[in-house]
N, C-alpha and C. Protein backbone atom coordinates (compact mmCIF):
# COMPACT_ATOMS: atom_id res chain seq x y z
N MET A 1 0.89 -1.20 0.06
CA MET A 1 -0.02 -0.11 -0.02
C MET A 1 0.88 1.18 -0.01
N ALA A 2 0.64 2.14 -0.91
CA ALA A 2 1.42 3.28 -0.99
C ALA A 2 1.29 4.20 0.08
N LYS A 3 2.41 4.75 0.66
CA LYS A 3 2.24 5.78 1.77
C LYS A 3 1.75 7.08 1.25
N ILE A 4 0.93 7.69 2.14
CA ILE A 4 0.39 9.00 1.74
C ILE A 4 1.35 10.04 2.15
N ALA A 5 1.65 10.94 1.29
CA ALA A 5 2.50 12.05 1.61
C ALA A 5 1.65 13.17 2.29
N TYR A 6 2.14 13.65 3.35
CA TYR A 6 1.32 14.68 3.99
C TYR A 6 2.09 16.09 3.68
N LEU A 7 1.20 17.14 3.28
CA LEU A 7 1.89 18.41 3.07
C LEU A 7 1.69 19.20 4.29
N HIS A 8 2.83 19.85 4.50
CA HIS A 8 2.90 20.67 5.81
C HIS A 8 2.77 22.13 5.32
N ALA A 9 1.76 22.81 5.80
CA ALA A 9 1.61 24.25 5.50
C ALA A 9 2.81 25.00 6.17
N PRO A 10 3.34 25.94 5.34
CA PRO A 10 4.41 26.75 5.79
C PRO A 10 3.98 27.71 6.91
N GLN A 11 4.95 27.86 7.91
CA GLN A 11 4.54 28.77 8.93
C GLN A 11 4.70 30.13 8.47
N PRO A 12 3.67 30.97 9.00
CA PRO A 12 3.65 32.41 8.51
C PRO A 12 4.87 33.06 8.91
N SER A 13 5.32 33.96 7.94
CA SER A 13 6.58 34.73 8.13
C SER A 13 6.22 35.94 8.89
N THR A 14 7.07 36.34 9.84
CA THR A 14 6.86 37.61 10.47
C THR A 14 7.80 38.67 10.05
N LYS A 15 8.67 38.30 9.04
CA LYS A 15 9.62 39.23 8.49
C LYS A 15 8.99 40.51 7.93
N ASN A 16 9.44 41.68 8.36
CA ASN A 16 8.88 42.97 7.90
C ASN A 16 7.39 43.11 8.00
N GLY A 17 6.78 42.36 8.93
CA GLY A 17 5.42 42.55 9.10
C GLY A 17 4.54 42.10 7.84
N SER A 18 5.06 41.07 7.25
CA SER A 18 4.35 40.60 5.89
C SER A 18 2.99 40.06 6.19
N VAL A 19 2.17 39.93 5.09
CA VAL A 19 0.83 39.57 5.20
C VAL A 19 0.81 38.09 5.70
N GLY A 20 -0.05 37.84 6.63
CA GLY A 20 -0.20 36.51 7.33
C GLY A 20 0.65 36.51 8.58
N SER A 21 1.43 37.48 8.95
CA SER A 21 2.04 37.48 10.12
C SER A 21 1.26 37.99 11.33
N PRO A 22 1.62 37.37 12.52
CA PRO A 22 0.83 37.83 13.73
C PRO A 22 0.89 39.42 13.80
N ALA A 23 -0.05 39.94 14.55
CA ALA A 23 -0.07 41.35 14.79
C ALA A 23 1.10 41.85 15.56
N GLN A 24 1.82 42.90 14.89
CA GLN A 24 3.15 43.38 15.44
C GLN A 24 2.78 44.12 16.72
N HIS A 25 3.83 44.19 17.50
CA HIS A 25 3.58 45.19 18.87
C HIS A 25 3.33 46.54 18.40
N ARG A 26 2.30 47.04 18.94
CA ARG A 26 2.13 48.46 18.75
C ARG A 26 2.59 49.16 19.98
N PRO A 27 3.40 50.12 19.94
CA PRO A 27 3.81 50.76 21.14
C PRO A 27 2.75 51.47 21.87
N LYS A 28 2.76 51.38 23.23
CA LYS A 28 1.80 52.03 24.04
C LYS A 28 2.17 53.57 24.09
N ASN A 29 1.29 54.37 24.41
CA ASN A 29 1.45 55.88 24.66
C ASN A 29 2.67 56.15 25.50
N ALA A 30 2.73 55.39 26.60
CA ALA A 30 3.70 55.55 27.59
C ALA A 30 5.13 55.21 27.03
N GLU A 31 5.13 54.35 26.11
CA GLU A 31 6.48 53.96 25.40
C GLU A 31 6.86 55.13 24.45
N LEU A 32 6.02 55.82 23.98
CA LEU A 32 6.31 56.96 22.99
C LEU A 32 6.57 58.28 23.57
N ARG A 33 5.96 58.64 24.68
CA ARG A 33 6.06 59.85 25.30
C ARG A 33 5.80 59.75 26.87
N SER A 34 6.26 60.75 27.70
CA SER A 34 6.21 60.76 29.08
C SER A 34 4.93 61.35 29.47
N ARG A 35 4.20 62.07 28.70
CA ARG A 35 2.96 62.60 29.03
C ARG A 35 2.09 62.79 27.78
N GLU A 36 0.71 62.95 27.91
CA GLU A 36 -0.16 62.99 26.81
C GLU A 36 -0.67 64.46 26.70
N TYR A 37 -0.04 65.50 27.02
CA TYR A 37 -0.44 66.88 26.79
C TYR A 37 0.84 67.71 26.42
N LEU A 38 0.51 68.88 25.89
CA LEU A 38 1.55 69.78 25.55
C LEU A 38 1.58 70.98 26.42
N THR A 39 2.72 71.58 26.78
CA THR A 39 2.77 72.87 27.57
C THR A 39 2.27 74.02 26.66
N PRO A 40 2.00 75.15 27.19
CA PRO A 40 1.78 76.39 26.27
C PRO A 40 3.00 76.67 25.43
N ASP A 41 4.20 76.50 25.85
CA ASP A 41 5.32 76.86 25.18
C ASP A 41 5.55 75.83 23.97
N GLU A 42 5.09 74.50 24.22
CA GLU A 42 5.22 73.51 23.20
C GLU A 42 4.07 73.81 22.07
N VAL A 43 2.92 74.33 22.51
CA VAL A 43 1.98 74.65 21.56
C VAL A 43 2.43 75.88 20.72
N GLU A 44 3.09 76.68 21.25
CA GLU A 44 3.71 77.91 20.44
C GLU A 44 4.69 77.33 19.41
N LYS A 45 5.54 76.36 19.79
CA LYS A 45 6.56 75.76 18.87
C LYS A 45 5.86 74.99 17.77
N LEU A 46 4.69 74.42 18.08
CA LEU A 46 3.78 73.70 17.06
C LEU A 46 3.33 74.72 16.06
N MET A 47 2.74 75.87 16.60
CA MET A 47 2.22 76.83 15.75
C MET A 47 3.41 77.49 14.83
N LYS A 48 4.47 77.61 15.46
CA LYS A 48 5.66 78.29 14.61
C LYS A 48 6.00 77.28 13.50
N ALA A 49 6.04 75.97 13.82
CA ALA A 49 6.42 75.09 12.84
C ALA A 49 5.31 75.03 11.70
N ALA A 50 4.08 75.29 11.97
CA ALA A 50 2.99 75.27 11.08
C ALA A 50 3.20 76.58 10.25
N ARG A 51 3.55 77.71 10.79
CA ARG A 51 3.70 79.03 10.03
C ARG A 51 4.87 78.81 9.16
N ASP A 52 5.93 78.24 9.67
CA ASP A 52 7.14 78.18 8.89
C ASP A 52 7.00 77.21 7.65
N GLY A 53 5.91 76.54 7.54
CA GLY A 53 5.63 75.70 6.34
C GLY A 53 5.63 76.66 5.08
N ARG A 54 5.10 77.75 5.32
CA ARG A 54 5.10 78.85 4.28
C ARG A 54 4.29 78.55 3.02
N GLY A 55 3.56 77.51 2.99
CA GLY A 55 2.70 77.19 1.87
C GLY A 55 1.42 77.94 2.04
N ARG A 56 0.59 77.68 1.12
CA ARG A 56 -0.75 78.35 1.15
C ARG A 56 -1.45 77.99 2.42
N TYR A 57 -1.25 76.90 3.03
CA TYR A 57 -2.06 76.48 4.07
C TYR A 57 -1.41 76.73 5.47
N ALA A 58 -0.28 77.41 5.52
CA ALA A 58 0.42 77.67 6.74
C ALA A 58 -0.39 78.39 7.72
N HIS A 59 -1.15 79.53 7.37
CA HIS A 59 -1.92 80.19 8.29
C HIS A 59 -3.10 79.40 8.76
N ARG A 60 -3.79 78.59 7.80
CA ARG A 60 -4.78 77.74 8.23
C ARG A 60 -4.38 76.78 9.34
N ASP A 61 -3.26 76.21 9.10
CA ASP A 61 -2.79 75.23 10.06
C ASP A 61 -2.45 75.72 11.38
N ALA A 62 -1.76 76.92 11.36
CA ALA A 62 -1.45 77.51 12.70
C ALA A 62 -2.77 77.91 13.38
N THR A 63 -3.71 78.49 12.62
CA THR A 63 -5.01 78.84 13.29
C THR A 63 -5.75 77.57 13.84
N LEU A 64 -5.63 76.51 13.21
CA LEU A 64 -6.28 75.27 13.60
C LEU A 64 -5.68 74.88 14.91
N ILE A 65 -4.34 74.95 15.12
CA ILE A 65 -3.78 74.56 16.40
C ILE A 65 -4.13 75.45 17.50
N LEU A 66 -4.22 76.80 17.12
CA LEU A 66 -4.69 77.79 18.13
C LEU A 66 -5.97 77.52 18.71
N MET A 67 -6.85 77.31 17.71
CA MET A 67 -8.23 77.15 18.13
C MET A 67 -8.49 75.82 18.90
N ALA A 68 -7.81 74.78 18.45
CA ALA A 68 -7.97 73.45 19.16
C ALA A 68 -7.43 73.61 20.54
N PHE A 69 -6.34 74.39 20.69
CA PHE A 69 -5.67 74.49 22.08
C PHE A 69 -6.63 75.45 23.07
N ARG A 70 -6.94 76.64 22.46
CA ARG A 70 -7.66 77.60 23.32
C ARG A 70 -9.09 77.00 23.75
N HIS A 71 -9.76 76.13 22.90
CA HIS A 71 -11.07 75.70 23.17
C HIS A 71 -11.09 74.26 23.42
N GLY A 72 -10.01 73.57 23.61
CA GLY A 72 -10.12 72.12 23.87
C GLY A 72 -10.86 71.26 22.97
N LEU A 73 -10.66 71.59 21.66
CA LEU A 73 -11.44 70.76 20.63
C LEU A 73 -10.87 69.40 20.36
N ARG A 74 -11.73 68.38 20.14
CA ARG A 74 -11.36 67.13 19.67
C ARG A 74 -11.18 67.14 18.10
N ALA A 75 -10.63 66.18 17.64
CA ALA A 75 -10.27 66.23 16.15
C ALA A 75 -11.68 66.38 15.40
N THR A 76 -12.81 65.63 15.68
CA THR A 76 -13.93 65.67 14.98
C THR A 76 -14.65 67.12 15.11
N GLU A 77 -14.53 67.61 16.34
CA GLU A 77 -15.03 68.99 16.63
C GLU A 77 -14.29 69.99 15.79
N ILE A 78 -13.11 69.93 15.50
CA ILE A 78 -12.35 70.74 14.57
C ILE A 78 -12.84 70.56 13.21
N ALA A 79 -13.00 69.32 12.84
CA ALA A 79 -13.43 69.01 11.44
C ALA A 79 -14.79 69.55 11.20
N ASP A 80 -15.58 69.49 12.08
CA ASP A 80 -17.06 69.86 11.88
C ASP A 80 -17.22 71.30 12.22
N LEU A 81 -16.29 72.06 12.50
CA LEU A 81 -16.40 73.58 12.89
C LEU A 81 -16.82 74.30 11.59
N ASP A 82 -17.96 74.97 11.63
CA ASP A 82 -18.36 75.82 10.45
C ASP A 82 -18.61 77.25 10.84
N TRP A 83 -18.69 78.17 9.79
CA TRP A 83 -18.67 79.52 10.10
C TRP A 83 -19.91 79.99 10.88
N SER A 84 -21.03 79.14 10.88
CA SER A 84 -22.14 79.60 11.72
C SER A 84 -22.00 79.44 13.05
N GLN A 85 -20.93 78.89 13.54
CA GLN A 85 -20.52 78.73 14.94
C GLN A 85 -19.64 79.90 15.47
N VAL A 86 -19.29 80.81 14.40
CA VAL A 86 -18.25 81.92 14.82
C VAL A 86 -18.89 83.22 14.66
N GLU A 87 -18.76 84.06 15.75
CA GLU A 87 -19.13 85.43 15.75
C GLU A 87 -17.83 86.24 15.85
N LEU A 88 -17.68 87.10 14.81
CA LEU A 88 -16.52 87.87 14.85
C LEU A 88 -16.92 89.41 15.16
N GLY A 89 -18.00 89.74 15.64
CA GLY A 89 -18.48 91.05 15.95
C GLY A 89 -17.97 91.59 17.23
N ARG A 90 -18.70 92.48 17.81
CA ARG A 90 -18.20 93.24 19.04
C ARG A 90 -17.96 92.13 20.21
N SER A 91 -19.00 91.37 20.24
CA SER A 91 -18.72 90.19 21.40
C SER A 91 -18.40 89.04 20.60
N ALA A 92 -17.17 88.90 20.17
CA ALA A 92 -16.72 87.77 19.46
C ALA A 92 -16.72 86.43 20.28
N SER A 93 -17.35 85.59 19.71
CA SER A 93 -17.54 84.22 20.51
C SER A 93 -17.55 83.03 19.61
N LEU A 94 -17.32 81.83 20.18
CA LEU A 94 -17.33 80.53 19.40
C LEU A 94 -18.46 79.78 20.10
N HIS A 95 -19.43 79.25 19.30
CA HIS A 95 -20.44 78.26 19.71
C HIS A 95 -19.96 76.83 19.55
N VAL A 96 -19.57 76.33 20.79
CA VAL A 96 -18.94 74.94 20.62
C VAL A 96 -19.87 73.87 20.76
N ARG A 97 -19.89 73.00 19.80
CA ARG A 97 -20.82 71.73 19.74
C ARG A 97 -19.83 70.56 20.16
N ARG A 98 -20.13 70.05 21.36
CA ARG A 98 -19.33 68.90 21.84
C ARG A 98 -19.80 67.57 21.48
N LEU A 99 -18.89 66.61 21.32
CA LEU A 99 -19.24 65.23 20.98
C LEU A 99 -19.32 64.50 22.30
N LYS A 100 -19.61 63.11 22.06
CA LYS A 100 -19.59 62.14 23.28
C LYS A 100 -20.63 62.61 24.33
N ASN A 101 -21.74 63.25 23.98
CA ASN A 101 -22.86 63.72 24.87
C ASN A 101 -22.32 64.81 25.73
N GLY A 102 -21.16 65.50 25.24
CA GLY A 102 -20.73 66.58 25.95
C GLY A 102 -21.74 67.83 25.97
N LYS A 103 -21.60 68.66 26.93
CA LYS A 103 -22.38 69.89 26.92
C LYS A 103 -21.79 71.00 26.02
N PRO A 104 -22.74 71.54 25.11
CA PRO A 104 -22.37 72.70 24.29
C PRO A 104 -22.16 73.90 25.19
N SER A 105 -21.42 74.83 24.68
CA SER A 105 -21.06 76.06 25.41
C SER A 105 -20.79 77.09 24.36
N VAL A 106 -20.57 78.29 25.00
CA VAL A 106 -20.13 79.58 24.17
C VAL A 106 -18.96 80.17 24.64
N HIS A 107 -17.76 80.15 23.93
CA HIS A 107 -16.54 80.57 24.50
C HIS A 107 -16.30 82.03 23.90
N PRO A 108 -15.78 82.98 24.72
CA PRO A 108 -15.13 84.25 24.04
C PRO A 108 -14.10 84.03 23.27
N LEU A 109 -13.86 84.71 22.21
CA LEU A 109 -12.84 84.75 21.38
C LEU A 109 -11.83 85.84 21.66
N ARG A 110 -10.41 85.61 21.79
CA ARG A 110 -9.58 86.62 22.02
C ARG A 110 -9.15 87.40 20.78
N GLY A 111 -8.48 88.58 20.95
CA GLY A 111 -8.07 89.32 19.81
C GLY A 111 -7.34 88.67 18.70
N ASP A 112 -6.23 87.81 19.20
CA ASP A 112 -5.47 87.02 18.34
C ASP A 112 -6.19 85.99 17.52
N GLU A 113 -7.27 85.42 18.01
CA GLU A 113 -8.13 84.42 17.51
C GLU A 113 -8.96 85.09 16.35
N VAL A 114 -9.41 86.28 16.82
CA VAL A 114 -10.45 87.04 15.93
C VAL A 114 -9.68 87.44 14.56
N ARG A 115 -8.38 87.93 14.83
CA ARG A 115 -7.63 88.29 13.62
C ARG A 115 -7.24 87.26 12.80
N ALA A 116 -6.86 86.01 13.44
CA ALA A 116 -6.53 84.87 12.64
C ALA A 116 -7.76 84.33 11.89
N LEU A 117 -8.88 84.31 12.55
CA LEU A 117 -10.07 83.74 11.78
C LEU A 117 -10.57 84.70 10.77
N ARG A 118 -10.40 86.02 10.91
CA ARG A 118 -10.79 86.90 9.75
C ARG A 118 -9.75 86.73 8.60
N GLU A 119 -8.61 86.53 8.73
CA GLU A 119 -7.65 86.22 7.69
C GLU A 119 -8.06 84.90 7.01
N LEU A 120 -8.39 83.97 7.82
CA LEU A 120 -8.74 82.68 7.24
C LEU A 120 -10.02 82.73 6.49
N ARG A 121 -10.85 83.53 6.81
CA ARG A 121 -12.20 83.73 6.04
C ARG A 121 -11.75 84.37 4.72
N ARG A 122 -10.86 85.37 4.75
CA ARG A 122 -10.46 85.91 3.52
C ARG A 122 -9.87 85.01 2.55
N GLN A 123 -9.04 84.12 3.18
CA GLN A 123 -8.32 83.13 2.40
C GLN A 123 -9.21 82.02 1.66
N PHE A 124 -10.27 81.71 2.53
CA PHE A 124 -11.17 80.62 2.00
C PHE A 124 -12.55 81.21 1.97
N PRO A 125 -12.90 82.13 1.09
CA PRO A 125 -14.21 82.78 1.20
C PRO A 125 -15.34 81.93 0.89
N ASP A 126 -15.12 80.78 0.11
CA ASP A 126 -16.18 80.03 -0.36
C ASP A 126 -16.55 78.83 0.42
N SER A 127 -15.85 78.60 1.46
CA SER A 127 -16.07 77.41 2.25
C SER A 127 -16.91 77.71 3.51
N ALA A 128 -17.79 76.74 3.68
CA ALA A 128 -18.62 76.83 4.83
C ALA A 128 -17.98 76.40 6.17
N PHE A 129 -16.92 75.77 5.97
CA PHE A 129 -16.12 75.24 7.09
C PHE A 129 -15.02 76.07 7.37
N VAL A 130 -14.68 76.20 8.69
CA VAL A 130 -13.65 77.11 9.23
C VAL A 130 -12.28 76.60 8.78
N PHE A 131 -12.16 75.31 8.74
CA PHE A 131 -10.88 74.70 8.35
C PHE A 131 -11.14 73.75 7.14
N ALA A 132 -10.79 74.29 5.87
CA ALA A 132 -11.21 73.56 4.82
C ALA A 132 -9.97 73.07 4.08
N THR A 133 -10.23 71.93 3.28
CA THR A 133 -9.18 71.22 2.55
C THR A 133 -8.98 72.12 1.29
N GLU A 134 -8.02 71.85 0.46
CA GLU A 134 -7.80 72.37 -0.70
C GLU A 134 -9.01 72.28 -1.72
N ARG A 135 -9.90 71.48 -1.57
CA ARG A 135 -11.16 71.40 -2.32
C ARG A 135 -12.21 72.13 -1.66
N GLY A 136 -12.05 72.83 -0.64
CA GLY A 136 -13.03 73.65 0.03
C GLY A 136 -13.99 72.77 0.98
N GLY A 137 -13.77 71.46 1.07
CA GLY A 137 -14.59 70.74 1.99
C GLY A 137 -14.08 70.58 3.27
N PRO A 138 -14.60 69.83 4.16
CA PRO A 138 -14.28 69.67 5.52
C PRO A 138 -13.11 68.55 5.58
N PHE A 139 -12.25 68.66 6.67
CA PHE A 139 -11.30 67.59 6.90
C PHE A 139 -12.06 66.40 7.47
N THR A 140 -11.45 65.33 7.49
CA THR A 140 -11.88 64.12 8.44
C THR A 140 -11.09 64.26 9.69
N SER A 141 -11.56 63.65 10.67
CA SER A 141 -10.65 63.63 11.96
C SER A 141 -9.35 62.98 11.75
N HIS A 142 -9.22 61.92 10.98
CA HIS A 142 -7.96 61.15 10.74
C HIS A 142 -7.02 62.20 10.01
N ALA A 143 -7.52 62.91 9.06
CA ALA A 143 -6.70 63.77 8.21
C ALA A 143 -6.09 64.86 9.21
N ILE A 144 -6.89 65.36 10.05
CA ILE A 144 -6.37 66.43 11.07
C ILE A 144 -5.35 65.79 11.98
N ASN A 145 -5.40 64.52 12.41
CA ASN A 145 -4.49 63.99 13.28
C ASN A 145 -3.23 63.71 12.48
N ARG A 146 -3.33 63.36 11.15
CA ARG A 146 -2.19 63.14 10.41
C ARG A 146 -1.38 64.51 10.23
N LEU A 147 -2.29 65.58 10.06
CA LEU A 147 -1.67 67.00 9.75
C LEU A 147 -0.84 67.33 11.06
N ILE A 148 -1.43 67.17 12.27
CA ILE A 148 -0.83 67.57 13.43
C ILE A 148 0.48 66.62 13.70
N LYS A 149 0.41 65.46 13.34
CA LYS A 149 1.66 64.65 13.36
C LYS A 149 2.64 65.11 12.56
N ARG A 150 2.49 65.45 11.31
CA ARG A 150 3.42 66.07 10.47
C ARG A 150 4.12 67.42 10.97
N ILE A 151 3.12 68.16 11.46
CA ILE A 151 3.67 69.46 11.95
C ILE A 151 4.47 69.28 13.21
N GLY A 152 4.10 68.21 14.07
CA GLY A 152 4.85 67.85 15.24
C GLY A 152 6.21 67.42 14.83
N ALA A 153 6.36 66.66 13.79
CA ALA A 153 7.71 66.05 13.48
C ALA A 153 8.49 67.37 12.93
N ARG A 154 8.09 68.35 12.37
CA ARG A 154 8.77 69.52 11.98
C ARG A 154 9.14 70.41 13.03
N SER A 155 8.23 70.38 14.11
CA SER A 155 8.55 71.32 15.32
C SER A 155 9.76 70.65 16.15
N ARG A 156 10.31 69.59 15.91
CA ARG A 156 11.33 68.95 16.71
C ARG A 156 11.17 68.87 18.18
N LEU A 157 9.90 68.74 18.46
CA LEU A 157 9.61 68.34 19.95
C LEU A 157 10.14 67.00 20.15
N PRO A 158 10.58 66.68 21.36
CA PRO A 158 11.24 65.36 21.65
C PRO A 158 10.45 64.06 21.85
N PHE A 159 9.25 64.27 21.29
CA PHE A 159 8.35 63.09 21.33
C PHE A 159 7.18 63.33 20.18
N PRO A 160 6.58 62.15 19.79
CA PRO A 160 5.55 62.33 18.78
C PRO A 160 4.27 63.09 19.20
N VAL A 161 3.65 63.82 18.33
CA VAL A 161 2.56 64.57 18.74
C VAL A 161 1.35 64.14 18.10
N HIS A 162 0.20 64.18 18.83
CA HIS A 162 -1.09 63.86 18.08
C HIS A 162 -2.09 64.86 18.49
N VAL A 163 -3.20 64.96 17.78
CA VAL A 163 -4.11 66.05 17.86
C VAL A 163 -4.75 66.13 19.29
N HIS A 164 -5.08 65.06 19.89
CA HIS A 164 -5.75 65.12 21.18
C HIS A 164 -4.90 65.78 22.41
N MET A 165 -3.61 65.84 22.14
CA MET A 165 -2.71 66.48 23.01
C MET A 165 -3.05 67.97 23.21
N LEU A 166 -3.61 68.53 22.14
CA LEU A 166 -3.99 69.94 22.26
C LEU A 166 -5.30 70.18 23.14
N ARG A 167 -6.20 69.16 23.21
CA ARG A 167 -7.28 69.27 24.10
C ARG A 167 -6.68 69.11 25.57
N HIS A 168 -5.89 68.08 25.80
CA HIS A 168 -5.35 67.96 27.10
C HIS A 168 -4.44 69.23 27.43
N ALA A 169 -3.81 69.89 26.54
CA ALA A 169 -2.99 71.05 26.87
C ALA A 169 -3.96 72.13 27.30
N CYS A 170 -5.13 72.30 26.72
CA CYS A 170 -6.10 73.28 27.21
C CYS A 170 -6.43 73.11 28.60
N GLY A 171 -6.85 71.69 28.92
CA GLY A 171 -7.27 71.43 30.25
C GLY A 171 -6.19 71.64 31.32
N TYR A 172 -5.01 71.35 31.03
CA TYR A 172 -3.89 71.53 32.06
C TYR A 172 -3.54 73.00 32.13
N ALA A 173 -3.55 73.78 31.03
CA ALA A 173 -3.24 75.13 31.11
C ALA A 173 -4.24 75.93 31.97
N LEU A 174 -5.51 75.64 31.78
CA LEU A 174 -6.53 76.26 32.55
C LEU A 174 -6.59 75.85 34.02
N ALA A 175 -6.26 74.63 34.33
CA ALA A 175 -6.12 74.19 35.61
C ALA A 175 -4.99 74.89 36.29
N ASN A 176 -3.84 75.05 35.61
CA ASN A 176 -2.61 75.61 36.13
C ASN A 176 -2.91 77.16 36.38
N ALA A 177 -3.93 77.76 35.63
CA ALA A 177 -4.26 79.15 35.89
C ALA A 177 -5.14 79.36 37.12
N GLY A 178 -5.59 78.25 37.71
CA GLY A 178 -6.40 78.30 38.90
C GLY A 178 -7.79 78.33 38.75
N HIS A 179 -8.34 77.84 37.64
CA HIS A 179 -9.82 77.76 37.33
C HIS A 179 -10.44 76.64 38.14
N ASP A 180 -11.58 76.80 38.69
CA ASP A 180 -12.12 75.73 39.57
C ASP A 180 -12.59 74.59 38.60
N THR A 181 -12.87 73.41 39.28
CA THR A 181 -13.18 72.15 38.51
C THR A 181 -14.52 72.33 37.75
N ARG A 182 -15.52 72.92 38.40
CA ARG A 182 -16.83 72.99 37.65
C ARG A 182 -16.81 73.92 36.55
N ALA A 183 -15.97 74.97 36.65
CA ALA A 183 -15.95 75.98 35.40
C ALA A 183 -15.11 75.15 34.37
N LEU A 184 -14.09 74.50 34.72
CA LEU A 184 -13.27 73.76 33.65
C LEU A 184 -14.19 72.64 33.10
N GLN A 185 -14.92 72.02 33.89
CA GLN A 185 -15.79 70.92 33.27
C GLN A 185 -16.81 71.50 32.28
N ALA A 186 -17.37 72.71 32.60
CA ALA A 186 -18.30 73.38 31.60
C ALA A 186 -17.55 73.83 30.32
N TYR A 187 -16.24 74.39 30.45
CA TYR A 187 -15.65 74.85 29.38
C TYR A 187 -15.16 73.73 28.38
N LEU A 188 -14.77 72.59 29.03
CA LEU A 188 -14.38 71.38 28.14
C LEU A 188 -15.56 70.62 27.62
N GLY A 189 -16.75 70.81 28.31
CA GLY A 189 -17.97 70.17 27.93
C GLY A 189 -18.02 68.62 28.42
N HIS A 190 -17.30 68.36 29.47
CA HIS A 190 -17.43 67.11 30.12
C HIS A 190 -18.73 66.70 30.75
N LYS A 191 -19.34 65.62 30.39
CA LYS A 191 -20.51 65.20 31.06
C LYS A 191 -20.08 64.58 32.48
N ASN A 192 -19.10 63.92 32.61
CA ASN A 192 -18.66 63.36 33.97
C ASN A 192 -17.54 64.11 34.41
N ILE A 193 -17.66 64.77 35.61
CA ILE A 193 -16.64 65.52 36.21
C ILE A 193 -15.35 64.80 36.43
N GLN A 194 -15.31 63.42 36.59
CA GLN A 194 -14.06 62.74 36.74
C GLN A 194 -13.11 62.93 35.61
N HIS A 195 -13.60 63.24 34.41
CA HIS A 195 -12.71 63.43 33.23
C HIS A 195 -12.04 64.77 33.43
N THR A 196 -12.59 65.72 34.23
CA THR A 196 -12.03 66.91 34.53
C THR A 196 -10.99 66.96 35.71
N VAL A 197 -11.40 66.12 36.61
CA VAL A 197 -10.53 66.11 37.85
C VAL A 197 -8.94 65.83 37.65
N ARG A 198 -8.65 65.03 36.56
CA ARG A 198 -7.36 64.74 36.23
C ARG A 198 -6.42 65.95 35.96
N TYR A 199 -7.05 66.92 35.36
CA TYR A 199 -6.35 68.25 35.04
C TYR A 199 -5.95 68.94 36.37
N ILE A 200 -6.85 68.97 37.41
CA ILE A 200 -6.76 69.75 38.52
C ILE A 200 -5.64 68.93 39.38
N GLU A 201 -5.65 67.59 39.31
CA GLU A 201 -4.81 66.76 40.16
C GLU A 201 -3.25 67.02 39.86
N LEU A 202 -2.98 67.48 38.55
CA LEU A 202 -1.63 67.58 38.08
C LEU A 202 -1.32 69.04 38.03
N ALA A 203 -2.09 70.00 38.54
CA ALA A 203 -1.88 71.38 38.49
C ALA A 203 -0.90 71.74 39.59
N PRO A 204 0.19 72.39 39.33
CA PRO A 204 1.19 72.82 40.47
C PRO A 204 0.69 73.66 41.44
N THR A 205 -0.44 74.48 40.95
CA THR A 205 -1.00 75.46 41.88
C THR A 205 -1.65 74.80 43.07
N ARG A 206 -1.96 73.50 42.90
CA ARG A 206 -2.68 72.74 43.94
C ARG A 206 -1.86 72.75 45.14
N PHE A 207 -0.60 72.84 45.06
CA PHE A 207 0.48 72.71 46.11
C PHE A 207 1.07 74.10 46.56
N LYS A 208 0.57 75.16 46.02
CA LYS A 208 1.48 76.37 46.02
C LYS A 208 1.66 76.93 47.52
N ASP A 209 0.79 76.61 48.49
CA ASP A 209 0.84 77.11 49.84
C ASP A 209 1.57 76.13 50.84
N PHE A 210 2.03 74.96 50.20
CA PHE A 210 2.46 73.93 51.21
C PHE A 210 3.72 74.28 52.00
N TRP A 211 4.57 75.09 51.48
CA TRP A 211 5.80 75.45 52.20
C TRP A 211 5.80 76.92 52.59
N ARG A 212 4.70 77.35 52.77
CA ARG A 212 4.56 78.77 53.29
C ARG A 212 4.35 78.82 54.80
C-alpha cells in the first residue's frame, strides 16, 4: 500500500510585518512619550512650525492649532467646525458643539483668534467650514491627526505629537491658571466631572501654599 505524503503548511513569516504574520507590537502611549499633553510653550513651537511651512495652508494650520488649544477641541469637533458657529463682531465668540454627549457652550474669542479667523475667512471665502481642505470641503478627523503629526515632526519636539494632546493642553493650562473644577468641566464640555479632575490633580498650583 502506497504511503500517503502529507503536505505541511508553511509557517507564516513575521519578517517585515508581511501578510499573514501575527499582529506586530504596537507601542503604548507611555512608550512613545512621558505625558499626553503639551505645555503652552510647546503649543507655540507647534504653531511656529505650522507657520514656517510657508505654503498656502500655513496660516490655516497655525490657526487650527490655536483654536484646538484655546477651546479644547477634539479632532472631529475641529473637522465639523463651520462659520455659523463663529461670531466675529463686538462680542466675538465661538459656539462649541461637543461630541460624546458633551455639553455645548459659548466661548469668548480673544483678539489674536479674531484676527486669525478673519484672515482665514479672507483666504477661503467660499468654504462653509472654518478649516477647509484644498477642495473647500471639511477635513476628516483622521486627516487632522495626520496633519498635526506632520507638523509635530517639523517642530522637533522630543516626542511624537497627536491632535488630542491639544485638548489635554487646554485642560492643564486652565487648571494651572487656577480655574475651579466646575468651570473647567463646563468649558471642556465634560459630562462626567471625573474626566475633569485629572487636570486639577496635576496642576502645580494645587500645592502652592504647602511650604509657606
